[in-house]
C-alpha atoms as a PDB file:
ATOM      1  CA  MET A   1     145.596-146.046  91.154  1.00  0.00           C
ATOM      2  CA  SER A   2     144.157-144.908  88.162  1.00  0.00           C
ATOM      3  CA  LYS A   3     141.087-142.566  88.050  1.00  0.00           C
ATOM      4  CA  ILE A   4     137.598-144.017  88.103  1.00  0.00           C
ATOM      5  CA  ASN A   5     135.632-142.397  85.202  1.00  0.00           C
ATOM      6  CA  VAL A   6     132.102-142.091  86.369  1.00  0.00           C
ATOM      7  CA  ALA A   7     128.926-141.218  84.294  1.00  0.00           C
ATOM      8  CA  ILE A   8     125.620-140.291  85.934  1.00  0.00           C
ATOM      9  CA  VAL A   9     122.100-140.304  84.604  1.00  0.00           C
ATOM     10  CA  GLY A  10     119.634-138.031  86.622  1.00  0.00           C
ATOM     11  CA  VAL A  11     121.415-134.817  87.868  1.00  0.00           C
ATOM     12  CA  GLY A  12     119.048-134.324  91.060  1.00  0.00           C
ATOM     13  CA  ASN A  13     119.451-134.051  94.662  1.00  0.00           C
ATOM     14  CA  CYS A  14     121.249-137.364  94.941  1.00  0.00           C
ATOM     15  CA  ALA A  15     123.671-136.636  92.248  1.00  0.00           C
ATOM     16  CA  SER A  16     124.356-133.088  93.697  1.00  0.00           C
ATOM     17  CA  SER A  17     125.393-134.663  97.173  1.00  0.00           C
ATOM     18  CA  LEU A  18     127.576-137.338  95.349  1.00  0.00           C
ATOM     19  CA  VAL A  19     129.383-134.635  93.142  1.00  0.00           C
ATOM     20  CA  GLN A  20     129.698-132.327  96.340  1.00  0.00           C
ATOM     21  CA  GLY A  21     130.973-135.206  98.353  1.00  0.00           C
ATOM     22  CA  ILE A  22     133.828-135.923  96.060  1.00  0.00           C
ATOM     23  CA  GLU A  23     135.155-132.393  96.337  1.00  0.00           C
ATOM     24  CA  TYR A  24     134.369-132.310 100.028  1.00  0.00           C
ATOM     25  CA  TYR A  25     136.313-135.383 100.928  1.00  0.00           C
ATOM     26  CA  LYS A  26     139.136-135.207  98.194  1.00  0.00           C
ATOM     27  CA  ASP A  27     141.832-134.575 100.978  1.00  0.00           C
ATOM     28  CA  ALA A  28     140.427-137.005 103.514  1.00  0.00           C
ATOM     29  CA  ARG A  29     143.054-138.645 105.667  1.00  0.00           C
ATOM     30  CA  GLU A  30     143.269-142.431 105.542  1.00  0.00           C
ATOM     31  CA  ASP A  31     144.621-142.497 108.911  1.00  0.00           C
ATOM     32  CA  GLU A  32     141.850-141.186 110.972  1.00  0.00           C
ATOM     33  CA  PHE A  33     137.951-141.602 111.362  1.00  0.00           C
ATOM     34  CA  VAL A  34     136.126-139.387 108.817  1.00  0.00           C
ATOM     35  CA  PRO A  35     132.550-138.628 109.541  1.00  0.00           C
ATOM     36  CA  GLY A  36     130.284-139.606 106.623  1.00  0.00           C
ATOM     37  CA  LEU A  37     132.550-142.178 105.187  1.00  0.00           C
ATOM     38  CA  MET A  38     132.689-145.902 105.708  1.00  0.00           C
ATOM     39  CA  HIS A  39     135.963-146.234 103.669  1.00  0.00           C
ATOM     40  CA  VAL A  40     138.419-143.509 103.064  1.00  0.00           C
ATOM     41  CA  ASN A  41     140.515-145.981 101.098  1.00  0.00           C
ATOM     42  CA  PHE A  42     138.554-148.731  99.285  1.00  0.00           C
ATOM     43  CA  GLY A  43     140.822-151.513  97.694  1.00  0.00           C
ATOM     44  CA  GLY A  44     143.483-148.944  96.914  1.00  0.00           C
ATOM     45  CA  TYR A  45     141.042-146.102  95.604  1.00  0.00           C
ATOM     46  CA  HIS A  46     140.678-142.782  97.534  1.00  0.00           C
ATOM     47  CA  ILE A  47     137.619-140.547  97.292  1.00  0.00           C
ATOM     48  CA  LYS A  48     139.720-138.073  94.929  1.00  0.00           C
ATOM     49  CA  ASP A  49     140.049-140.872  92.389  1.00  0.00           C
ATOM     50  CA  VAL A  50     136.343-140.597  91.234  1.00  0.00           C
ATOM     51  CA  LYS A  51     136.236-138.314  88.259  1.00  0.00           C
ATOM     52  CA  PHE A  52     132.919-137.275  86.608  1.00  0.00           C
ATOM     53  CA  VAL A  53     133.061-137.683  82.791  1.00  0.00           C
ATOM     54  CA  ALA A  54     129.557-137.537  81.651  1.00  0.00           C
ATOM     55  CA  ALA A  55     126.116-136.602  82.920  1.00  0.00           C
ATOM     56  CA  PHE A  56     122.617-137.124  81.312  1.00  0.00           C
ATOM     57  CA  ASP A  57     119.356-135.390  82.345  1.00  0.00           C
ATOM     58  CA  ILE A  58     116.127-134.453  80.242  1.00  0.00           C
ATOM     59  CA  ASP A  59     115.588-130.982  82.355  1.00  0.00           C
ATOM     60  CA  ALA A  60     115.873-128.162  79.892  1.00  0.00           C
ATOM     61  CA  ASN A  61     117.451-125.926  82.448  1.00  0.00           C
ATOM     62  CA  LYS A  62     120.251-128.354  83.178  1.00  0.00           C
ATOM     63  CA  VAL A  63     121.077-129.718  79.763  1.00  0.00           C
ATOM     64  CA  GLY A  64     124.208-127.732  78.326  1.00  0.00           C
ATOM     65  CA  LYS A  65     125.138-126.693  81.846  1.00  0.00           C
ATOM     66  CA  ASP A  66     128.336-127.807  83.690  1.00  0.00           C
ATOM     67  CA  ILE A  67     127.781-130.384  86.187  1.00  0.00           C
ATOM     68  CA  SER A  68     128.969-128.137  88.866  1.00  0.00           C
ATOM     69  CA  GLU A  69     126.355-125.838  87.960  1.00  0.00           C
ATOM     70  CA  ALA A  70     123.469-128.092  86.928  1.00  0.00           C
ATOM     71  CA  ILE A  71     123.598-129.894  90.576  1.00  0.00           C
ATOM     72  CA  PHE A  72     122.472-126.610  92.182  1.00  0.00           C
ATOM     73  CA  THR A  73     119.787-125.834  89.536  1.00  0.00           C
ATOM     74  CA  PRO A  74     116.155-126.046  90.818  1.00  0.00           C
ATOM     75  CA  PRO A  75     114.135-128.117  91.593  1.00  0.00           C
ATOM     76  CA  ASN A  76     117.246-129.584  93.251  1.00  0.00           C
ATOM     77  CA  CYS A  77     117.005-128.501  96.908  1.00  0.00           C
ATOM     78  CA  THR A  78     119.451-130.387  98.796  1.00  0.00           C
ATOM     79  CA  LYS A  79     121.865-128.723 101.103  1.00  0.00           C
ATOM     80  CA  LYS A  80     125.037-127.264  99.901  1.00  0.00           C
ATOM     81  CA  PHE A  81     127.771-128.326 101.829  1.00  0.00           C
ATOM     82  CA  SER A  82     130.698-127.827  99.456  1.00  0.00           C
ATOM     83  CA  ASP A  83     131.658-125.640  96.638  1.00  0.00           C
ATOM     84  CA  VAL A  84     132.284-127.427  93.376  1.00  0.00           C
ATOM     85  CA  PRO A  85     134.715-125.986  90.797  1.00  0.00           C
ATOM     86  CA  LYS A  86     133.919-126.052  87.272  1.00  0.00           C
ATOM     87  CA  ILE A  87     134.363-129.769  86.132  1.00  0.00           C
ATOM     88  CA  GLY A  88     134.422-129.240  82.467  1.00  0.00           C
ATOM     89  CA  VAL A  89     131.674-131.597  81.662  1.00  0.00           C
ATOM     90  CA  GLU A  90     128.161-130.459  80.243  1.00  0.00           C
ATOM     91  CA  VAL A  91     125.010-132.176  81.115  1.00  0.00           C
ATOM     92  CA  MET A  92     123.796-134.006  77.797  1.00  0.00           C
ATOM     93  CA  LYS A  93     120.166-134.567  76.824  1.00  0.00           C
ATOM     94  CA  GLY A  94     119.151-138.140  77.627  1.00  0.00           C
ATOM     95  CA  GLU A  95     116.118-140.247  76.691  1.00  0.00           C
ATOM     96  CA  VAL A  96     112.937-139.309  78.326  1.00  0.00           C
ATOM     97  CA  ARG A  97     111.121-142.729  77.935  1.00  0.00           C
ATOM     98  CA  ASP A  98     108.754-143.217  81.060  1.00  0.00           C
ATOM     99  CA  GLY A  99     111.291-141.419  83.348  1.00  0.00           C
ATOM    100  CA  LEU A 100     108.827-138.278  83.642  1.00  0.00           C
ATOM    101  CA  GLY A 101     105.842-138.955  85.898  1.00  0.00           C
ATOM    102  CA  LYS A 102     102.533-136.815  85.839  1.00  0.00           C
ATOM    103  CA  TYR A 103     103.681-134.943  88.866  1.00  0.00           C
ATOM    104  CA  LEU A 104     107.067-134.118  87.684  1.00  0.00           C
ATOM    105  CA  LYS A 105     106.030-132.954  84.283  1.00  0.00           C
ATOM    106  CA  PRO A 106     104.739-129.465  85.506  1.00  0.00           C
ATOM    107  CA  VAL A 107     108.137-129.069  87.430  1.00  0.00           C
ATOM    108  CA  ILE A 108     110.702-130.269  84.941  1.00  0.00           C
ATOM    109  CA  PRO A 109     110.756-128.845  81.673  1.00  0.00           C
ATOM    110  CA  VAL A 110     111.598-130.653  78.547  1.00  0.00           C
ATOM    111  CA  ASP A 111     112.802-128.775  75.508  1.00  0.00           C
ATOM    112  CA  PRO A 112     111.916-130.778  72.314  1.00  0.00           C
ATOM    113  CA  THR A 113     114.491-128.649  70.494  1.00  0.00           C
ATOM    114  CA  GLN A 114     117.330-130.373  72.524  1.00  0.00           C
ATOM    115  CA  LYS A 115     118.304-133.416  70.897  1.00  0.00           C
ATOM    116  CA  SER A 116     119.034-136.692  72.873  1.00  0.00           C
ATOM    117  CA  VAL A 117     122.345-137.994  72.465  1.00  0.00           C
ATOM    118  CA  ASN A 118     123.447-141.523  71.415  1.00  0.00           C
ATOM    119  CA  VAL A 119     124.011-142.530  75.080  1.00  0.00           C
ATOM    120  CA  ALA A 120     126.253-145.543  74.383  1.00  0.00           C
ATOM    121  CA  LYS A 121     128.445-143.531  71.931  1.00  0.00           C
ATOM    122  CA  ALA A 122     128.826-140.722  74.370  1.00  0.00           C
ATOM    123  CA  LEU A 123     129.887-143.087  77.135  1.00  0.00           C
ATOM    124  CA  GLU A 124     132.602-144.570  74.865  1.00  0.00           C
ATOM    125  CA  ASP A 125     133.803-141.143  73.679  1.00  0.00           C
ATOM    126  CA  VAL A 126     134.597-140.163  77.388  1.00  0.00           C
ATOM    127  CA  GLY A 127     135.898-143.498  78.387  1.00  0.00           C
ATOM    128  CA  ALA A 128     133.441-144.011  81.075  1.00  0.00           C
ATOM    129  CA  ASP A 129     134.117-146.982  83.536  1.00  0.00           C
ATOM    130  CA  ILE A 130     130.806-146.918  85.232  1.00  0.00           C
ATOM    131  CA  LEU A 131     127.156-145.532  84.835  1.00  0.00           C
ATOM    132  CA  VAL A 132     125.300-144.620  87.708  1.00  0.00           C
ATOM    133  CA  SER A 133     121.604-144.479  87.584  1.00  0.00           C
ATOM    134  CA  TYR A 134     119.608-141.868  89.623  1.00  0.00           C
ATOM    135  CA  LEU A 135     116.514-142.069  87.577  1.00  0.00           C
ATOM    136  CA  PRO A 136     113.067-141.321  89.116  1.00  0.00           C
ATOM    137  CA  VAL A 137     111.265-144.134  90.876  1.00  0.00           C
ATOM    138  CA  GLY A 138     108.947-145.979  88.524  1.00  0.00           C
ATOM    139  CA  SER A 139     111.359-145.466  85.392  1.00  0.00           C
ATOM    140  CA  TYR A 140     110.813-149.082  84.154  1.00  0.00           C
ATOM    141  CA  GLU A 141     111.694-148.659  80.511  1.00  0.00           C
ATOM    142  CA  ALA A 142     114.315-145.925  81.064  1.00  0.00           C
ATOM    143  CA  THR A 143     116.096-148.029  83.443  1.00  0.00           C
ATOM    144  CA  ARG A 144     116.347-150.882  80.946  1.00  0.00           C
ATOM    145  CA  PHE A 145     117.250-148.416  78.359  1.00  0.00           C
ATOM    146  CA  TYR A 146     120.385-147.079  80.242  1.00  0.00           C
ATOM    147  CA  ALA A 147     121.245-150.697  81.456  1.00  0.00           C
ATOM    148  CA  GLU A 148     121.485-151.665  77.686  1.00  0.00           C
ATOM    149  CA  GLN A 149     123.457-148.626  76.956  1.00  0.00           C
ATOM    150  CA  ALA A 150     126.038-149.347  79.653  1.00  0.00           C
ATOM    151  CA  ILE A 151     126.424-152.766  78.298  1.00  0.00           C
ATOM    152  CA  LYS A 152     126.927-151.550  74.702  1.00  0.00           C
ATOM    153  CA  ALA A 153     129.398-149.109  76.027  1.00  0.00           C
ATOM    154  CA  GLY A 154     131.303-151.710  78.054  1.00  0.00           C
ATOM    155  CA  CYS A 155     130.629-149.917  81.361  1.00  0.00           C
ATOM    156  CA  GLY A 156     129.822-151.173  84.798  1.00  0.00           C
ATOM    157  CA  TYR A 157     126.598-150.205  86.151  1.00  0.00           C
ATOM    158  CA  ILE A 158     125.125-149.107  89.366  1.00  0.00           C
ATOM    159  CA  ASN A 159     121.346-148.940  89.771  1.00  0.00           C
ATOM    160  CA  CYS A 160     120.395-146.849  92.803  1.00  0.00           C
ATOM    161  CA  ILE A 161     116.484-146.775  92.216  1.00  0.00           C
ATOM    162  CA  PRO A 162     113.974-149.737  92.845  1.00  0.00           C
ATOM    163  CA  GLU A 163     114.001-151.169  89.444  1.00  0.00           C
ATOM    164  CA  PHE A 164     115.008-154.855  89.592  1.00  0.00           C
ATOM    165  CA  ILE A 165     117.986-155.162  87.386  1.00  0.00           C
ATOM    166  CA  VAL A 166     120.800-156.479  89.311  1.00  0.00           C
ATOM    167  CA  SER A 167     118.529-158.530  91.236  1.00  0.00           C
ATOM    168  CA  GLY A 168     116.672-159.955  88.314  1.00  0.00           C
ATOM    169  CA  LYS A 169     117.928-163.081  86.540  1.00  0.00           C
ATOM    170  CA  GLU A 170     117.469-161.582  82.920  1.00  0.00           C
ATOM    171  CA  TRP A 171     119.714-158.376  83.434  1.00  0.00           C
ATOM    172  CA  GLY A 172     122.043-160.061  85.891  1.00  0.00           C
ATOM    173  CA  LYS A 173     122.721-162.640  83.164  1.00  0.00           C
ATOM    174  CA  LYS A 174     123.110-160.081  80.538  1.00  0.00           C
ATOM    175  CA  PHE A 175     125.954-158.135  82.624  1.00  0.00           C
ATOM    176  CA  ALA A 176     127.592-161.559  83.375  1.00  0.00           C
ATOM    177  CA  GLU A 177     127.636-162.521  79.670  1.00  0.00           C
ATOM    178  CA  ALA A 178     129.137-159.127  78.777  1.00  0.00           C
ATOM    179  CA  GLY A 179     131.696-159.667  81.594  1.00  0.00           C
ATOM    180  CA  LEU A 180     130.502-156.370  83.284  1.00  0.00           C
ATOM    181  CA  PRO A 181     129.954-155.885  86.955  1.00  0.00           C
ATOM    182  CA  CYS A 182     126.768-154.432  88.342  1.00  0.00           C
ATOM    183  CA  ALA A 183     125.419-153.477  91.762  1.00  0.00           C
ATOM    184  CA  GLY A 184     121.947-152.695  92.911  1.00  0.00           C
ATOM    185  CA  ASP A 185     119.116-152.427  93.293  1.00  0.00           C
ATOM    186  CA  ASP A 186     117.783-149.342  95.297  1.00  0.00           C
ATOM    187  CA  ILE A 187     120.341-147.578  97.343  1.00  0.00           C
ATOM    188  CA  LYS A 188     120.342-147.907 101.204  1.00  0.00           C
ATOM    189  CA  SER A 189     121.129-144.695 103.063  1.00  0.00           C
ATOM    190  CA  GLN A 190     124.079-144.477 105.342  1.00  0.00           C
ATOM    191  CA  VAL A 191     121.785-144.304 108.150  1.00  0.00           C
ATOM    192  CA  GLY A 192     118.239-144.122 106.908  1.00  0.00           C
ATOM    193  CA  ALA A 193     114.607-145.632 107.427  1.00  0.00           C
ATOM    194  CA  THR A 194     115.465-148.918 105.912  1.00  0.00           C
ATOM    195  CA  ILE A 195     118.712-149.750 107.671  1.00  0.00           C
ATOM    196  CA  LEU A 196     117.429-148.513 110.920  1.00  0.00           C
ATOM    197  CA  HIS A 197     114.146-150.647 110.502  1.00  0.00           C
ATOM    198  CA  ARG A 198     116.053-153.719 109.402  1.00  0.00           C
ATOM    199  CA  THR A 199     118.505-153.627 112.362  1.00  0.00           C
ATOM    200  CA  LEU A 200     115.717-153.181 114.887  1.00  0.00           C
ATOM    201  CA  ALA A 201     113.801-156.007 113.299  1.00  0.00           C
ATOM    202  CA  ARG A 202     116.882-158.177 113.543  1.00  0.00           C
ATOM    203  CA  LEU A 203     117.815-157.010 117.196  1.00  0.00           C
ATOM    204  CA  LEU A 204     114.199-158.121 118.134  1.00  0.00           C
ATOM    205  CA  ILE A 205     114.388-161.612 116.684  1.00  0.00           C
ATOM    206  CA  ASP A 206     117.890-162.072 118.059  1.00  0.00           C
ATOM    207  CA  ARG A 207     116.795-161.061 121.499  1.00  0.00           C
ATOM    208  CA  GLY A 208     113.908-163.491 121.529  1.00  0.00           C
ATOM    209  CA  VAL A 209     111.193-160.916 120.824  1.00  0.00           C
ATOM    210  CA  LYS A 210     108.176-162.017 118.540  1.00  0.00           C
ATOM    211  CA  LEU A 211     107.786-159.275 116.071  1.00  0.00           C
ATOM    212  CA  GLU A 212     103.953-159.195 115.409  1.00  0.00           C
ATOM    213  CA  GLU A 213     103.375-156.115 112.944  1.00  0.00           C
ATOM    214  CA  SER A 214     105.321-153.000 111.959  1.00  0.00           C
ATOM    215  CA  TYR A 215     104.918-149.946 109.657  1.00  0.00           C
ATOM    216  CA  GLN A 216     107.327-147.503 108.290  1.00  0.00           C
ATOM    217  CA  LEU A 217     105.849-144.123 106.803  1.00  0.00           C
ATOM    218  CA  ASN A 218     108.135-141.593 105.051  1.00  0.00           C
ATOM    219  CA  ILE A 219     107.386-137.898 104.012  1.00  0.00           C
ATOM    220  CA  GLY A 220     109.637-135.475 102.358  1.00  0.00           C
ATOM    221  CA  GLY A 221     109.612-132.410 100.032  1.00  0.00           C
ATOM    222  CA  ASN A 222     111.971-133.305  97.114  1.00  0.00           C
ATOM    223  CA  THR A 223     111.231-134.152  93.766  1.00  0.00           C
ATOM    224  CA  ASP A 224     111.469-137.822  94.653  1.00  0.00           C
ATOM    225  CA  PHE A 225     108.712-137.546  97.023  1.00  0.00           C
ATOM    226  CA  LEU A 226     106.541-135.422  94.578  1.00  0.00           C
ATOM    227  CA  ASN A 227     107.110-138.211  91.842  1.00  0.00           C
ATOM    228  CA  MET A 228     106.158-141.048  94.310  1.00  0.00           C
ATOM    229  CA  VAL A 229     102.575-139.412  94.940  1.00  0.00           C
ATOM    230  CA  GLU A 230     101.691-141.289  91.915  1.00  0.00           C
ATOM    231  CA  GLU A 231     100.933-144.503  93.373  1.00  0.00           C
ATOM    232  CA  ASP A 232     101.344-146.528  90.000  1.00  0.00           C
ATOM    233  CA  ARG A 233     104.953-145.725  90.211  1.00  0.00           C
ATOM    234  CA  LEU A 234     105.514-147.194  93.581  1.00  0.00           C
ATOM    235  CA  THR A 235     105.009-150.838  93.136  1.00  0.00           C
ATOM    236  CA  SER A 236     108.678-151.752  92.987  1.00  0.00           C
ATOM    237  CA  LYS A 237     109.708-149.314  95.818  1.00  0.00           C
ATOM    238  CA  ARG A 238     107.287-150.730  98.205  1.00  0.00           C
ATOM    239  CA  ILE A 239     108.572-154.278  97.424  1.00  0.00           C
ATOM    240  CA  SER A 240     112.055-153.170  97.543  1.00  0.00           C
ATOM    241  CA  LYS A 241     111.606-151.470 101.165  1.00  0.00           C
ATOM    242  CA  THR A 242     109.410-154.214 102.350  1.00  0.00           C
ATOM    243  CA  GLU A 243     111.570-157.234 101.469  1.00  0.00           C
ATOM    244  CA  ALA A 244     114.643-155.393 102.974  1.00  0.00           C
ATOM    245  CA  VAL A 245     112.991-155.651 106.459  1.00  0.00           C
ATOM    246  CA  SER A 246     110.943-158.923 105.997  1.00  0.00           C
ATOM    247  CA  SER A 247     114.332-160.723 104.998  1.00  0.00           C
ATOM    248  CA  GLN A 248     115.501-160.251 108.681  1.00  0.00           C
ATOM    249  CA  VAL A 249     112.453-161.989 109.984  1.00  0.00           C
ATOM    250  CA  PRO A 250     112.188-165.687 109.734  1.00  0.00           C
ATOM    251  CA  TYR A 251     108.484-165.795 109.578  1.00  0.00           C
ATOM    252  CA  GLU A 252     105.730-163.827 108.031  1.00  0.00           C
ATOM    253  CA  VAL A 253     104.773-160.523 109.800  1.00  0.00           C
ATOM    254  CA  PRO A 254     102.167-157.761 108.662  1.00  0.00           C
ATOM    255  CA  LEU A 255     104.369-154.993 107.394  1.00  0.00           C
ATOM    256  CA  ARG A 256     103.315-151.548 105.591  1.00  0.00           C
ATOM    257  CA  ILE A 257     106.472-149.612 104.310  1.00  0.00           C
ATOM    258  CA  GLY A 258     106.955-146.974 102.000  1.00  0.00           C
ATOM    259  CA  PRO A 259     106.506-143.212 101.042  1.00  0.00           C
ATOM    260  CA  SER A 260     103.263-141.707 102.523  1.00  0.00           C
ATOM    261  CA  ASP A 261     103.101-138.084 101.536  1.00  0.00           C
ATOM    262  CA  TYR A 262     104.755-135.204  99.791  1.00  0.00           C
ATOM    263  CA  VAL A 263     105.332-132.131 102.141  1.00  0.00           C
ATOM    264  CA  SER A 264     106.812-129.239  99.948  1.00  0.00           C
ATOM    265  CA  PHE A 265     108.319-127.192 102.712  1.00  0.00           C
ATOM    266  CA  LEU A 266     110.415-130.117 103.951  1.00  0.00           C
ATOM    267  CA  ASN A 267     112.603-129.845 100.773  1.00  0.00           C
ATOM    268  CA  ASP A 268     115.283-132.434 101.102  1.00  0.00           C
ATOM    269  CA  ASN A 269     114.364-133.401 104.701  1.00  0.00           C
ATOM    270  CA  LYS A 270     112.996-136.827 105.157  1.00  0.00           C
ATOM    271  CA  VAL A 271     111.015-137.732 108.070  1.00  0.00           C
ATOM    272  CA  CYS A 272     110.366-141.418 108.882  1.00  0.00           C
ATOM    273  CA  TYR A 273     107.943-142.758 111.519  1.00  0.00           C
ATOM    274  CA  ILE A 274     108.649-146.475 112.560  1.00  0.00           C
ATOM    275  CA  PHE A 275     106.277-148.395 114.708  1.00  0.00           C
ATOM    276  CA  MET A 276     106.939-151.988 115.867  1.00  0.00           C
ATOM    277  CA  ARG A 277     104.690-154.192 118.251  1.00  0.00           C
ATOM    278  CA  GLY A 278     106.011-157.438 119.733  1.00  0.00           C
ATOM    279  CA  ARG A 279     105.820-159.768 122.611  1.00  0.00           C
ATOM    280  CA  LYS A 280     108.620-160.556 124.978  1.00  0.00           C
ATOM    281  CA  PHE A 281     109.179-162.680 128.068  1.00  0.00           C
ATOM    282  CA  GLY A 282     105.869-163.726 129.470  1.00  0.00           C
ATOM    283  CA  ASP A 283     104.211-162.779 126.349  1.00  0.00           C
ATOM    284  CA  ILE A 284     104.206-159.223 127.741  1.00  0.00           C
ATOM    285  CA  PRO A 285     103.612-156.617 124.911  1.00  0.00           C
ATOM    286  CA  GLN A 286     106.422-154.294 123.646  1.00  0.00           C
ATOM    287  CA  THR A 287     106.074-151.516 121.170  1.00  0.00           C
ATOM    288  CA  ILE A 288     108.823-149.173 119.620  1.00  0.00           C
ATOM    289  CA  ASP A 289     107.552-145.890 118.324  1.00  0.00           C
ATOM    290  CA  LEU A 290     110.183-144.034 116.419  1.00  0.00           C
ATOM    291  CA  LYS A 291     111.078-140.796 114.524  1.00  0.00           C
ATOM    292  CA  LEU A 292     114.070-140.308 112.230  1.00  0.00           C
ATOM    293  CA  SER A 293     114.661-136.947 110.547  1.00  0.00           C
ATOM    294  CA  VAL A 294     117.559-136.814 108.023  1.00  0.00           C
ATOM    295  CA  GLU A 295     118.701-134.783 105.042  1.00  0.00           C
ATOM    296  CA  ASP A 296     117.870-137.429 102.330  1.00  0.00           C
ATOM    297  CA  SER A 297     120.144-137.040  99.543  1.00  0.00           C
ATOM    298  CA  PRO A 298     123.580-136.738 101.280  1.00  0.00           C
ATOM    299  CA  ASN A 299     122.523-139.857 103.374  1.00  0.00           C
ATOM    300  CA  SER A 300     122.959-142.029 100.262  1.00  0.00           C
ATOM    301  CA  ALA A 301     126.120-140.429  98.647  1.00  0.00           C
ATOM    302  CA  GLY A 302     128.668-141.956 100.976  1.00  0.00           C
ATOM    303  CA  VAL A 303     127.157-145.541 100.153  1.00  0.00           C
ATOM    304  CA  VAL A 304     127.295-144.716  96.411  1.00  0.00           C
ATOM    305  CA  ILE A 305     130.994-143.660  96.650  1.00  0.00           C
ATOM    306  CA  ASP A 306     131.764-147.171  97.993  1.00  0.00           C
ATOM    307  CA  ALA A 307     129.433-149.051  95.393  1.00  0.00           C
ATOM    308  CA  ILE A 308     131.496-146.886  92.742  1.00  0.00           C
ATOM    309  CA  ARG A 309     134.916-148.159  94.011  1.00  0.00           C
ATOM    310  CA  SER A 310     133.440-151.826  94.276  1.00  0.00           C
ATOM    311  CA  VAL A 311     132.412-151.892  90.614  1.00  0.00           C
ATOM    312  CA  LYS A 312     135.783-150.387  89.642  1.00  0.00           C
ATOM    313  CA  LEU A 313     137.546-153.171  91.569  1.00  0.00           C
ATOM    314  CA  ALA A 314     135.438-155.685  89.905  1.00  0.00           C
ATOM    315  CA  LEU A 315     136.373-154.131  86.421  1.00  0.00           C
ATOM    316  CA  ASP A 316     140.051-154.567  87.405  1.00  0.00           C
ATOM    317  CA  ARG A 317     139.504-157.992  88.627  1.00  0.00           C
ATOM    318  CA  LYS A 318     137.651-158.721  85.315  1.00  0.00           C
ATOM    319  CA  VAL A 319     134.655-160.027  87.356  1.00  0.00           C
ATOM    320  CA  GLY A 320     131.312-159.610  85.518  1.00  0.00           C
ATOM    321  CA  GLY A 321     127.840-159.970  86.691  1.00  0.00           C
ATOM    322  CA  PRO A 322     126.030-158.889  89.987  1.00  0.00           C
ATOM    323  CA  LEU A 323     128.150-158.204  92.902  1.00  0.00           C
ATOM    324  CA  ILE A 324     126.356-160.340  95.500  1.00  0.00           C
ATOM    325  CA  GLY A 325     128.085-159.290  98.822  1.00  0.00           C
ATOM    326  CA  VAL A 326     128.530-155.523  97.850  1.00  0.00           C
ATOM    327  CA  SER A 327     124.844-155.360  96.700  1.00  0.00           C
ATOM    328  CA  SER A 328     123.503-156.774  99.873  1.00  0.00           C
ATOM    329  CA  TYR A 329     125.252-154.195 101.939  1.00  0.00           C
ATOM    330  CA  PHE A 330     124.700-151.067  99.888  1.00  0.00           C
ATOM    331  CA  PHE A 331     121.176-151.879  98.438  1.00  0.00           C
ATOM    332  CA  LYS A 332     117.742-152.656  99.622  1.00  0.00           C
ATOM    333  CA  HIS A 333     116.842-155.256  97.083  1.00  0.00           C
ATOM    334  CA  PRO A 334     120.168-157.256  96.358  1.00  0.00           C
ATOM    335  CA  PRO A 335     120.235-160.586  94.404  1.00  0.00           C
ATOM    336  CA  VAL A 336     120.647-162.230  97.796  1.00  0.00           C
ATOM    337  CA  GLN A 337     119.820-160.829 101.325  1.00  0.00           C
ATOM    338  CA  PHE A 338     122.142-161.073 103.925  1.00  0.00           C
ATOM    339  CA  THR A 339     122.148-159.844 107.579  1.00  0.00           C
ATOM    340  CA  ASP A 340     123.831-156.572 107.650  1.00  0.00           C
ATOM    341  CA  VAL A 341     126.800-158.083 109.770  1.00  0.00           C
ATOM    342  CA  GLU A 342     127.116-160.824 107.037  1.00  0.00           C
ATOM    343  CA  ALA A 343     127.026-158.207 104.169  1.00  0.00           C
ATOM    344  CA  ARG A 344     129.578-155.979 105.794  1.00  0.00           C
ATOM    345  CA  GLN A 345     131.944-158.665 106.161  1.00  0.00           C
ATOM    346  CA  ALA A 346     131.268-159.959 102.627  1.00  0.00           C
ATOM    347  CA  VAL A 347     132.301-156.225 101.530  1.00  0.00           C
ATOM    348  CA  GLU A 348     135.610-156.287 103.480  1.00  0.00           C
ATOM    349  CA  ASP A 349     136.321-159.732 102.006  1.00  0.00           C
ATOM    350  CA  PHE A 350     135.677-158.396  98.750  1.00  0.00           C
ATOM    351  CA  ILE A 351     138.091-155.583  99.045  1.00  0.00           C
ATOM    352  CA  ALA A 352     140.738-157.923 100.432  1.00  0.00           C
ATOM    353  CA  GLY A 353     140.167-160.356  97.560  1.00  0.00           C
ATOM    354  CA  ARG A 354     139.021-163.170  99.503  1.00  0.00           C
ATOM    355  CA  ARG A 355     135.446-162.989  97.812  1.00  0.00           C
ATOM    356  CA  GLU A 356     135.275-162.770  93.947  1.00  0.00           C
ATOM    357  CA  ARG A 357     131.734-161.023  94.276  1.00  0.00           C
END
């Protein structure tokens, strides 16, 4: 199979884990279970087939550096689990737009003497197949700007943040009319707060327990959590995470889900508290009180690796528009919500060519 030329916007912790992961798993065997991966081979594409050809950021300390160096540049704080050799691709200055919230401005320096590049032209020049967006939560204008640049450059698009591009009619239609595939919105972790909460909610319903109320509170110490201290940037994030859980319950239930605080010394560790109260047989009360602790950024990287290969398969097959089954399995706010069992089967059907999207 050919290489998958990938461009990234936002060279933060999630991008760091993704880039490290491509190097870490480049020799993964296809005939054995590999911890961390859902698919070693995805429709004929191996992990090693992912090639980074461009990256965009606004941090003055990252712009001009090779990607392999930029991913370990502060304020990035995720764990280093793999050495990354020089890639030969320098981070380019992107557009700031509304990507820099008030709590990130003191942390991320922007140098006005560094000129922003023409993003669409840069993507075309390197022959990018896919643009992966890791913009900060709340980047409404910036997300739409980069989605437009992907369309202009003829790239597939993966939206890892909770801005409703793939799940929105307007932008889904734009990608469909351009004949370009897109997947999103808001990446799920491999085993994170949302997928765990969804699974528990579905389990209770399937086993005849009436779920009556639930909350999910998350704290962390990376720049994502620092950015989300600004409540005005959280509207779409709360919607995304809440709908991911509420979609598994066939009736209205009081839910409170989303980031609750920034704790600097946690760095990239995310701590999640899930509480669920319901009634079981005989109307006897039942509660679940759970704590989950994970390294946040690596938790999504394996999912993004599969999303990348999904979009490349769609490009190969000349399928445009939102990838429905793929988005439902890999993202919190897809165009259509399935159960995770249904969504996983949709992905396997897509890989096998039994499902177009």
